[in-house]
Amino acid sequence: MTEQDPVQAAFEAMQKAAKQRGSTPLPPRKPQKKTTPPRIGRPTGKDGRRRRRPLDVDTFGALLGTEISRRGWEKDIAGGWVFGNWDELVGPKIAQHTTVEMVKDRKLFITCDSTAWATNLRMMQRQILQVIAEKVGPNIITELKIFGPKAPSWRKGPLHVKGRGPRDTYG
């Protein structure tokens, strides 16, 4: 003798009672699809005016970056960054006594306040080039041209007669 499941037995009893009353079972429900009616014209906002079209425009920075790379200006811009951020690269103390004159052919031209600062900067040249390579990239600046202060000019006025050459004035 097989034991019947009590839930199954109750279900069959309910089906038998429903047949005796004359009711028929309902067909299974199909899930309804949510369809939107076809729209005519353009969508509008709550006030009835047309919505703004979403513009697929790049940001200014992205546009500028693509234009720079397209024209091949990466190295020029990196050299300009070195020019503008010199105090960040070498520190405020050194930047106070040095001036970046120009960047030309991967060479950075620097003028110092005194010959002592120029000599110290020449000794630190390798470290400065390493810092520039880390911050900007390799082969942007490959050489430093370091100059001391310019000699004083003894010329007075717009007209000048050629002199006799340098003398041993500073003894």
N, C-alpha and C. Protein backbone atom coordinates (compact mmCIF):
# COMPACT_ATOMS: atom_id res chain seq x y z
N MET A 1 0.84 -1.16 0.00
CA MET A 1 0.00 0.00 0.00
C MET A 1 0.89 1.23 0.00
N THR A 2 0.62 2.10 -0.94
CA THR A 2 1.42 3.31 -1.05
C THR A 2 0.77 4.42 -0.26
N GLU A 3 1.62 5.17 0.38
CA GLU A 3 1.09 6.31 1.13
C GLU A 3 0.94 7.49 0.19
N GLN A 4 -0.19 8.16 0.31
CA GLN A 4 -0.46 9.30 -0.56
C GLN A 4 -0.11 10.58 0.18
N ASP A 5 0.41 11.53 -0.59
CA ASP A 5 0.80 12.82 -0.03
C ASP A 5 -0.46 13.56 0.41
N PRO A 6 -0.51 14.10 1.64
CA PRO A 6 -1.73 14.77 2.10
C PRO A 6 -2.06 16.03 1.29
N VAL A 7 -1.04 16.72 0.80
CA VAL A 7 -1.29 17.91 -0.01
C VAL A 7 -1.91 17.52 -1.34
N GLN A 8 -1.37 16.46 -1.93
CA GLN A 8 -1.90 15.97 -3.21
C GLN A 8 -3.34 15.49 -3.02
N ALA A 9 -3.64 14.84 -1.90
CA ALA A 9 -5.00 14.34 -1.63
C ALA A 9 -5.96 15.51 -1.48
N ALA A 10 -5.56 16.57 -0.81
CA ALA A 10 -6.44 17.73 -0.64
C ALA A 10 -6.70 18.41 -1.98
N PHE A 11 -5.67 18.49 -2.83
CA PHE A 11 -5.82 19.10 -4.15
C PHE A 11 -6.81 18.31 -5.01
N GLU A 12 -6.69 16.98 -4.99
CA GLU A 12 -7.61 16.14 -5.78
C GLU A 12 -9.03 16.26 -5.25
N ALA A 13 -9.21 16.38 -3.95
CA ALA A 13 -10.55 16.52 -3.37
C ALA A 13 -11.17 17.85 -3.81
N MET A 14 -10.38 18.91 -3.88
CA MET A 14 -10.91 20.20 -4.32
C MET A 14 -11.29 20.15 -5.80
N GLN A 15 -10.50 19.44 -6.61
CA GLN A 15 -10.83 19.32 -8.04
C GLN A 15 -12.14 18.55 -8.23
N LYS A 16 -12.34 17.48 -7.45
CA LYS A 16 -13.57 16.67 -7.55
C LYS A 16 -14.79 17.49 -7.17
N ALA A 17 -14.66 18.29 -6.11
CA ALA A 17 -15.78 19.12 -5.67
C ALA A 17 -16.10 20.18 -6.71
N ALA A 18 -15.08 20.73 -7.38
CA ALA A 18 -15.32 21.74 -8.40
C ALA A 18 -16.02 21.14 -9.61
N LYS A 19 -15.70 19.89 -9.99
CA LYS A 19 -16.35 19.24 -11.13
C LYS A 19 -17.81 18.96 -10.82
N GLN A 20 -18.11 18.62 -9.58
CA GLN A 20 -19.50 18.34 -9.20
C GLN A 20 -20.34 19.61 -9.26
N ARG A 21 -19.73 20.75 -8.98
CA ARG A 21 -20.48 22.01 -9.05
C ARG A 21 -20.66 22.46 -10.49
N GLY A 22 -19.83 21.95 -11.39
CA GLY A 22 -19.94 22.30 -12.80
C GLY A 22 -18.99 23.40 -13.24
N SER A 23 -18.02 23.74 -12.45
CA SER A 23 -17.07 24.78 -12.85
C SER A 23 -15.91 24.16 -13.63
N THR A 24 -15.36 24.95 -14.53
CA THR A 24 -14.24 24.47 -15.34
C THR A 24 -12.97 25.19 -14.88
N PRO A 25 -11.82 24.56 -15.01
CA PRO A 25 -10.58 25.23 -14.57
C PRO A 25 -10.21 26.38 -15.53
N LEU A 26 -9.64 27.43 -14.98
CA LEU A 26 -9.23 28.58 -15.78
C LEU A 26 -7.94 28.25 -16.54
N PRO A 27 -7.81 28.79 -17.75
CA PRO A 27 -6.55 28.57 -18.48
C PRO A 27 -5.42 29.35 -17.78
N PRO A 28 -4.21 28.86 -17.89
CA PRO A 28 -3.11 29.57 -17.21
C PRO A 28 -2.89 30.96 -17.82
N ARG A 29 -2.54 31.89 -16.97
CA ARG A 29 -2.34 33.28 -17.42
C ARG A 29 -1.02 33.42 -18.16
N LYS A 30 -1.07 34.23 -19.20
CA LYS A 30 0.14 34.57 -19.94
C LYS A 30 0.60 35.94 -19.46
N PRO A 31 1.87 36.10 -19.22
CA PRO A 31 2.33 37.43 -18.80
C PRO A 31 2.15 38.43 -19.94
N GLN A 32 1.59 39.58 -19.59
CA GLN A 32 1.33 40.61 -20.61
C GLN A 32 2.60 41.41 -20.86
N LYS A 33 2.84 41.67 -22.12
CA LYS A 33 3.98 42.50 -22.50
C LYS A 33 3.58 43.96 -22.38
N LYS A 34 4.50 44.74 -21.84
CA LYS A 34 4.25 46.17 -21.75
C LYS A 34 4.72 46.81 -23.04
N THR A 35 3.80 47.21 -23.83
CA THR A 35 4.14 47.85 -25.10
C THR A 35 3.75 49.31 -25.02
N THR A 36 4.59 50.13 -25.57
CA THR A 36 4.29 51.55 -25.63
C THR A 36 3.72 51.85 -27.01
N PRO A 37 2.77 52.71 -27.05
CA PRO A 37 2.20 53.04 -28.36
C PRO A 37 3.24 53.76 -29.20
N PRO A 38 3.18 53.60 -30.50
CA PRO A 38 4.15 54.30 -31.36
C PRO A 38 3.98 55.81 -31.21
N ARG A 39 5.10 56.50 -31.13
CA ARG A 39 5.05 57.95 -30.94
C ARG A 39 5.20 58.65 -32.28
N ILE A 40 4.49 59.69 -32.40
CA ILE A 40 4.56 60.50 -33.60
C ILE A 40 5.16 61.84 -33.20
N GLY A 41 6.18 62.28 -33.91
CA GLY A 41 6.82 63.55 -33.59
C GLY A 41 7.94 63.37 -32.60
N ARG A 42 8.29 64.45 -31.96
CA ARG A 42 9.41 64.44 -31.02
C ARG A 42 8.88 64.44 -29.59
N PRO A 43 9.65 63.84 -28.68
CA PRO A 43 9.20 63.86 -27.28
C PRO A 43 9.29 65.27 -26.70
N THR A 44 8.38 65.56 -25.78
CA THR A 44 8.34 66.88 -25.17
C THR A 44 8.51 66.76 -23.67
N GLY A 45 8.83 67.87 -23.05
CA GLY A 45 8.94 67.92 -21.61
C GLY A 45 7.57 68.11 -20.98
N LYS A 46 7.52 68.37 -19.67
CA LYS A 46 6.24 68.52 -18.97
C LYS A 46 5.48 69.76 -19.42
N ASP A 47 6.21 70.77 -19.87
CA ASP A 47 5.55 72.00 -20.29
C ASP A 47 5.16 71.99 -21.76
N GLY A 48 5.44 70.91 -22.48
CA GLY A 48 5.05 70.79 -23.87
C GLY A 48 6.10 71.22 -24.87
N ARG A 49 7.17 71.85 -24.39
CA ARG A 49 8.23 72.25 -25.31
C ARG A 49 9.14 71.06 -25.59
N ARG A 50 9.82 71.14 -26.73
CA ARG A 50 10.68 70.02 -27.10
C ARG A 50 11.85 69.90 -26.14
N ARG A 51 12.31 68.68 -25.96
CA ARG A 51 13.47 68.43 -25.11
C ARG A 51 14.74 68.79 -25.86
N ARG A 52 15.76 69.15 -25.09
CA ARG A 52 17.06 69.41 -25.71
C ARG A 52 17.65 68.09 -26.17
N ARG A 53 18.26 68.13 -27.32
CA ARG A 53 18.93 66.92 -27.80
C ARG A 53 20.21 66.71 -27.01
N PRO A 54 20.48 65.48 -26.62
CA PRO A 54 21.75 65.24 -25.92
C PRO A 54 22.91 65.39 -26.91
N LEU A 55 23.84 66.26 -26.58
CA LEU A 55 24.96 66.52 -27.47
C LEU A 55 26.09 65.57 -27.14
N ASP A 56 26.61 64.93 -28.13
CA ASP A 56 27.72 64.01 -27.95
C ASP A 56 29.01 64.77 -28.25
N VAL A 57 29.40 65.63 -27.31
CA VAL A 57 30.56 66.49 -27.50
C VAL A 57 31.63 66.10 -26.49
N ASP A 58 32.87 66.01 -26.95
CA ASP A 58 33.97 65.71 -26.05
C ASP A 58 34.25 66.90 -25.15
N THR A 59 34.90 66.65 -24.03
CA THR A 59 35.29 67.74 -23.15
C THR A 59 36.41 68.53 -23.81
N PHE A 60 36.61 69.74 -23.34
CA PHE A 60 37.65 70.59 -23.92
C PHE A 60 39.02 69.97 -23.73
N GLY A 61 39.26 69.37 -22.57
CA GLY A 61 40.55 68.74 -22.30
C GLY A 61 40.83 67.58 -23.25
N ALA A 62 39.80 66.76 -23.51
CA ALA A 62 39.98 65.64 -24.43
C ALA A 62 40.22 66.14 -25.86
N LEU A 63 39.49 67.16 -26.25
CA LEU A 63 39.67 67.74 -27.58
C LEU A 63 41.07 68.34 -27.73
N LEU A 64 41.52 69.03 -26.71
CA LEU A 64 42.85 69.63 -26.73
C LEU A 64 43.93 68.56 -26.77
N GLY A 65 43.73 67.49 -26.00
CA GLY A 65 44.71 66.39 -26.00
C GLY A 65 44.83 65.71 -27.35
N THR A 66 43.71 65.47 -28.02
CA THR A 66 43.78 64.84 -29.34
C THR A 66 44.43 65.77 -30.37
N GLU A 67 44.16 67.06 -30.26
CA GLU A 67 44.76 68.01 -31.20
C GLU A 67 46.26 68.12 -30.98
N ILE A 68 46.69 68.10 -29.73
CA ILE A 68 48.13 68.16 -29.42
C ILE A 68 48.83 66.94 -29.97
N SER A 69 48.25 65.76 -29.76
CA SER A 69 48.90 64.54 -30.27
C SER A 69 48.85 64.47 -31.79
N ARG A 70 47.77 64.98 -32.40
CA ARG A 70 47.66 64.95 -33.85
C ARG A 70 48.73 65.83 -34.50
N ARG A 71 49.02 66.95 -33.88
CA ARG A 71 50.02 67.87 -34.45
C ARG A 71 51.44 67.58 -33.99
N GLY A 72 51.61 66.64 -33.05
CA GLY A 72 52.94 66.25 -32.60
C GLY A 72 53.58 67.27 -31.67
N TRP A 73 52.79 67.87 -30.80
CA TRP A 73 53.29 68.90 -29.91
C TRP A 73 53.62 68.38 -28.51
N GLU A 74 53.62 67.08 -28.29
CA GLU A 74 53.79 66.55 -26.94
C GLU A 74 55.11 67.01 -26.32
N LYS A 75 56.20 66.92 -27.09
CA LYS A 75 57.51 67.28 -26.55
C LYS A 75 57.61 68.78 -26.30
N ASP A 76 57.00 69.58 -27.17
CA ASP A 76 57.02 71.03 -26.96
C ASP A 76 56.25 71.42 -25.70
N ILE A 77 55.11 70.78 -25.51
CA ILE A 77 54.29 71.08 -24.33
C ILE A 77 55.00 70.62 -23.07
N ALA A 78 55.66 69.46 -23.13
CA ALA A 78 56.40 68.97 -21.97
C ALA A 78 57.56 69.91 -21.63
N GLY A 79 58.24 70.42 -22.65
CA GLY A 79 59.30 71.41 -22.41
C GLY A 79 58.74 72.68 -21.80
N GLY A 80 57.58 73.08 -22.23
CA GLY A 80 56.93 74.25 -21.63
C GLY A 80 56.52 74.00 -20.19
N TRP A 81 56.15 72.75 -19.88
CA TRP A 81 55.81 72.42 -18.50
C TRP A 81 57.04 72.56 -17.61
N VAL A 82 58.19 72.11 -18.10
CA VAL A 82 59.44 72.26 -17.34
C VAL A 82 59.72 73.74 -17.13
N PHE A 83 59.51 74.53 -18.15
CA PHE A 83 59.74 75.97 -18.08
C PHE A 83 58.84 76.61 -17.02
N GLY A 84 57.58 76.22 -17.00
CA GLY A 84 56.62 76.82 -16.07
C GLY A 84 56.69 76.29 -14.65
N ASN A 85 57.16 75.06 -14.46
CA ASN A 85 57.19 74.46 -13.13
C ASN A 85 58.61 74.21 -12.65
N TRP A 86 59.50 75.09 -12.96
CA TRP A 86 60.91 74.94 -12.59
C TRP A 86 61.08 74.87 -11.08
N ASP A 87 60.36 75.71 -10.34
CA ASP A 87 60.51 75.71 -8.88
C ASP A 87 60.01 74.41 -8.26
N GLU A 88 59.04 73.76 -8.87
CA GLU A 88 58.56 72.46 -8.38
C GLU A 88 59.58 71.36 -8.66
N LEU A 89 60.29 71.47 -9.77
CA LEU A 89 61.27 70.44 -10.13
C LEU A 89 62.53 70.51 -9.28
N VAL A 90 63.07 71.70 -9.06
CA VAL A 90 64.35 71.83 -8.37
C VAL A 90 64.23 72.32 -6.94
N GLY A 91 63.08 72.77 -6.54
CA GLY A 91 62.90 73.30 -5.19
C GLY A 91 62.95 74.82 -5.19
N PRO A 92 62.36 75.43 -4.18
CA PRO A 92 62.27 76.90 -4.17
C PRO A 92 63.61 77.60 -3.99
N LYS A 93 64.52 76.99 -3.23
CA LYS A 93 65.82 77.65 -2.97
C LYS A 93 66.64 77.78 -4.25
N ILE A 94 66.73 76.68 -5.02
CA ILE A 94 67.48 76.72 -6.28
C ILE A 94 66.76 77.60 -7.29
N ALA A 95 65.44 77.50 -7.34
CA ALA A 95 64.67 78.29 -8.30
C ALA A 95 64.79 79.78 -8.04
N GLN A 96 65.04 80.15 -6.79
CA GLN A 96 65.20 81.56 -6.44
C GLN A 96 66.48 82.14 -7.06
N HIS A 97 67.49 81.31 -7.26
CA HIS A 97 68.78 81.79 -7.77
C HIS A 97 69.01 81.43 -9.24
N THR A 98 68.04 80.76 -9.88
CA THR A 98 68.20 80.37 -11.28
C THR A 98 67.01 80.84 -12.09
N THR A 99 67.23 80.98 -13.38
CA THR A 99 66.16 81.36 -14.31
C THR A 99 66.27 80.48 -15.54
N VAL A 100 65.15 79.89 -15.94
CA VAL A 100 65.13 79.10 -17.17
C VAL A 100 64.94 80.08 -18.32
N GLU A 101 65.88 80.09 -19.24
CA GLU A 101 65.83 81.03 -20.36
C GLU A 101 65.01 80.47 -21.52
N MET A 102 65.30 79.24 -21.94
CA MET A 102 64.56 78.65 -23.06
C MET A 102 64.81 77.15 -23.13
N VAL A 103 63.96 76.48 -23.89
CA VAL A 103 64.11 75.06 -24.21
C VAL A 103 64.27 74.98 -25.71
N LYS A 104 65.38 74.39 -26.17
CA LYS A 104 65.62 74.31 -27.61
C LYS A 104 66.37 73.02 -27.90
N ASP A 105 65.87 72.23 -28.83
CA ASP A 105 66.50 70.98 -29.26
C ASP A 105 66.82 70.07 -28.07
N ARG A 106 65.85 69.87 -27.20
CA ARG A 106 65.99 69.01 -26.01
C ARG A 106 67.05 69.50 -25.04
N LYS A 107 67.44 70.77 -25.14
CA LYS A 107 68.40 71.38 -24.22
C LYS A 107 67.68 72.46 -23.43
N LEU A 108 67.95 72.49 -22.13
CA LEU A 108 67.36 73.49 -21.25
C LEU A 108 68.44 74.50 -20.89
N PHE A 109 68.22 75.76 -21.24
CA PHE A 109 69.19 76.82 -21.00
C PHE A 109 68.82 77.53 -19.69
N ILE A 110 69.79 77.55 -18.75
CA ILE A 110 69.56 78.09 -17.42
C ILE A 110 70.60 79.16 -17.13
N THR A 111 70.16 80.28 -16.56
CA THR A 111 71.06 81.34 -16.12
C THR A 111 71.00 81.42 -14.60
N CYS A 112 72.16 81.53 -13.95
CA CYS A 112 72.24 81.59 -12.49
C CYS A 112 72.60 82.99 -12.03
N ASP A 113 72.31 83.27 -10.74
CA ASP A 113 72.62 84.58 -10.16
C ASP A 113 74.11 84.80 -10.02
N SER A 114 74.84 83.75 -9.70
CA SER A 114 76.28 83.89 -9.48
C SER A 114 77.00 82.68 -10.07
N THR A 115 78.30 82.81 -10.21
CA THR A 115 79.09 81.69 -10.73
C THR A 115 79.10 80.53 -9.75
N ALA A 116 78.98 80.82 -8.45
CA ALA A 116 78.92 79.75 -7.45
C ALA A 116 77.67 78.90 -7.65
N TRP A 117 76.53 79.54 -7.88
CA TRP A 117 75.29 78.80 -8.14
C TRP A 117 75.40 78.02 -9.45
N ALA A 118 76.03 78.60 -10.44
CA ALA A 118 76.20 77.90 -11.72
C ALA A 118 77.06 76.65 -11.53
N THR A 119 78.12 76.75 -10.74
CA THR A 119 78.98 75.60 -10.48
C THR A 119 78.23 74.51 -9.72
N ASN A 120 77.48 74.90 -8.69
CA ASN A 120 76.70 73.92 -7.93
C ASN A 120 75.65 73.24 -8.81
N LEU A 121 75.02 74.01 -9.68
CA LEU A 121 74.00 73.43 -10.56
C LEU A 121 74.63 72.46 -11.56
N ARG A 122 75.83 72.75 -12.01
CA ARG A 122 76.53 71.82 -12.92
C ARG A 122 76.82 70.50 -12.21
N MET A 123 77.13 70.56 -10.91
CA MET A 123 77.37 69.33 -10.15
C MET A 123 76.09 68.54 -9.93
N MET A 124 74.96 69.23 -9.86
CA MET A 124 73.67 68.58 -9.63
C MET A 124 72.96 68.23 -10.94
N GLN A 125 73.62 68.39 -12.05
CA GLN A 125 72.99 68.25 -13.36
C GLN A 125 72.34 66.88 -13.55
N ARG A 126 73.01 65.81 -13.15
CA ARG A 126 72.48 64.46 -13.33
C ARG A 126 71.18 64.26 -12.54
N GLN A 127 71.15 64.74 -11.28
CA GLN A 127 69.94 64.59 -10.47
C GLN A 127 68.78 65.40 -11.05
N ILE A 128 69.08 66.60 -11.54
CA ILE A 128 68.02 67.43 -12.12
C ILE A 128 67.45 66.77 -13.37
N LEU A 129 68.30 66.20 -14.20
CA LEU A 129 67.82 65.50 -15.40
C LEU A 129 66.99 64.28 -15.03
N GLN A 130 67.34 63.58 -13.95
CA GLN A 130 66.55 62.43 -13.52
C GLN A 130 65.17 62.86 -13.05
N VAL A 131 65.10 63.95 -12.29
CA VAL A 131 63.81 64.45 -11.82
C VAL A 131 62.94 64.88 -13.00
N ILE A 132 63.53 65.55 -13.97
CA ILE A 132 62.78 65.97 -15.16
C ILE A 132 62.27 64.75 -15.92
N ALA A 133 63.10 63.71 -16.06
CA ALA A 133 62.67 62.50 -16.76
C ALA A 133 61.54 61.80 -16.02
N GLU A 134 61.56 61.80 -14.69
CA GLU A 134 60.48 61.18 -13.92
C GLU A 134 59.18 61.95 -14.05
N LYS A 135 59.25 63.26 -13.98
CA LYS A 135 58.03 64.08 -13.99
C LYS A 135 57.44 64.25 -15.39
N VAL A 136 58.31 64.44 -16.39
CA VAL A 136 57.83 64.78 -17.73
C VAL A 136 57.90 63.60 -18.68
N GLY A 137 58.96 62.83 -18.60
CA GLY A 137 59.15 61.70 -19.50
C GLY A 137 60.57 61.68 -20.03
N PRO A 138 60.99 60.52 -20.50
CA PRO A 138 62.36 60.42 -21.00
C PRO A 138 62.52 61.13 -22.35
N ASN A 139 63.73 61.58 -22.61
CA ASN A 139 64.11 62.21 -23.88
C ASN A 139 63.35 63.49 -24.20
N ILE A 140 62.82 64.14 -23.19
CA ILE A 140 62.22 65.47 -23.40
C ILE A 140 63.32 66.52 -23.23
N ILE A 141 64.02 66.45 -22.10
CA ILE A 141 65.19 67.30 -21.85
C ILE A 141 66.37 66.35 -21.65
N THR A 142 67.37 66.45 -22.51
CA THR A 142 68.52 65.53 -22.42
C THR A 142 69.78 66.22 -21.96
N GLU A 143 69.79 67.56 -21.96
CA GLU A 143 71.01 68.28 -21.61
C GLU A 143 70.66 69.61 -20.98
N LEU A 144 71.46 70.01 -19.99
CA LEU A 144 71.31 71.32 -19.37
C LEU A 144 72.48 72.20 -19.78
N LYS A 145 72.20 73.39 -20.23
CA LYS A 145 73.22 74.39 -20.53
C LYS A 145 73.12 75.44 -19.42
N ILE A 146 74.12 75.46 -18.54
CA ILE A 146 74.08 76.31 -17.36
C ILE A 146 75.08 77.45 -17.53
N PHE A 147 74.59 78.68 -17.37
CA PHE A 147 75.42 79.87 -17.54
C PHE A 147 75.42 80.68 -16.25
N GLY A 148 76.54 81.34 -16.00
CA GLY A 148 76.64 82.26 -14.88
C GLY A 148 76.04 83.60 -15.25
N PRO A 149 76.21 84.59 -14.39
CA PRO A 149 75.65 85.91 -14.71
C PRO A 149 76.41 86.56 -15.87
N LYS A 150 75.74 87.45 -16.55
CA LYS A 150 76.37 88.15 -17.67
C LYS A 150 77.31 89.22 -17.11
N ALA A 151 78.41 89.45 -17.82
CA ALA A 151 79.37 90.48 -17.39
C ALA A 151 78.74 91.85 -17.52
N PRO A 152 79.13 92.80 -16.66
CA PRO A 152 78.53 94.13 -16.73
C PRO A 152 78.96 94.86 -18.01
N SER A 153 78.08 95.72 -18.47
CA SER A 153 78.37 96.51 -19.66
C SER A 153 78.75 97.92 -19.22
N TRP A 154 79.83 98.43 -19.78
CA TRP A 154 80.28 99.77 -19.43
C TRP A 154 79.79 100.80 -20.45
N ARG A 155 78.96 100.38 -21.38
CA ARG A 155 78.47 101.31 -22.40
C ARG A 155 77.50 102.30 -21.79
N LYS A 156 77.60 103.51 -22.22
CA LYS A 156 76.68 104.56 -21.77
C LYS A 156 76.10 105.23 -23.01
N GLY A 157 74.81 105.29 -23.11
CA GLY A 157 74.17 105.98 -24.21
C GLY A 157 74.02 105.12 -25.45
N PRO A 158 73.31 105.67 -26.46
CA PRO A 158 73.03 104.90 -27.67
C PRO A 158 74.21 104.78 -28.62
N LEU A 159 75.15 105.71 -28.59
CA LEU A 159 76.28 105.66 -29.50
C LEU A 159 77.47 105.02 -28.80
N HIS A 160 78.29 104.30 -29.56
CA HIS A 160 79.38 103.57 -28.93
C HIS A 160 80.58 103.51 -29.87
N VAL A 161 81.75 103.74 -29.32
CA VAL A 161 83.00 103.58 -30.06
C VAL A 161 83.63 102.30 -29.56
N LYS A 162 84.11 101.46 -30.50
CA LYS A 162 84.69 100.19 -30.12
C LYS A 162 85.89 100.43 -29.21
N GLY A 163 85.93 99.71 -28.09
CA GLY A 163 86.96 99.89 -27.08
C GLY A 163 88.22 99.10 -27.39
N ARG A 164 89.13 99.03 -26.41
CA ARG A 164 90.41 98.37 -26.58
C ARG A 164 90.37 96.91 -26.12
N GLY A 165 89.20 96.39 -25.80
CA GLY A 165 89.09 95.00 -25.37
C GLY A 165 89.03 94.89 -23.85
N PRO A 166 88.87 93.69 -23.34
CA PRO A 166 88.75 93.51 -21.88
C PRO A 166 90.08 93.79 -21.18
N ARG A 167 89.99 94.32 -19.99
CA ARG A 167 91.16 94.61 -19.17
C ARG A 167 91.07 93.79 -17.88
N ASP A 168 92.14 93.74 -17.15
CA ASP A 168 92.17 93.02 -15.89
C ASP A 168 91.70 93.97 -14.79
N THR A 169 90.41 94.31 -14.82
CA THR A 169 89.86 95.29 -13.90
C THR A 169 89.66 94.71 -12.50
N TYR A 170 89.36 93.42 -12.42
CA TYR A 170 88.94 92.84 -11.14
C TYR A 170 90.07 92.15 -10.41
N GLY A 171 91.30 92.43 -10.74
CA GLY A 171 92.43 92.03 -10.13
C GLY A 171 93.04 90.90 -9.64
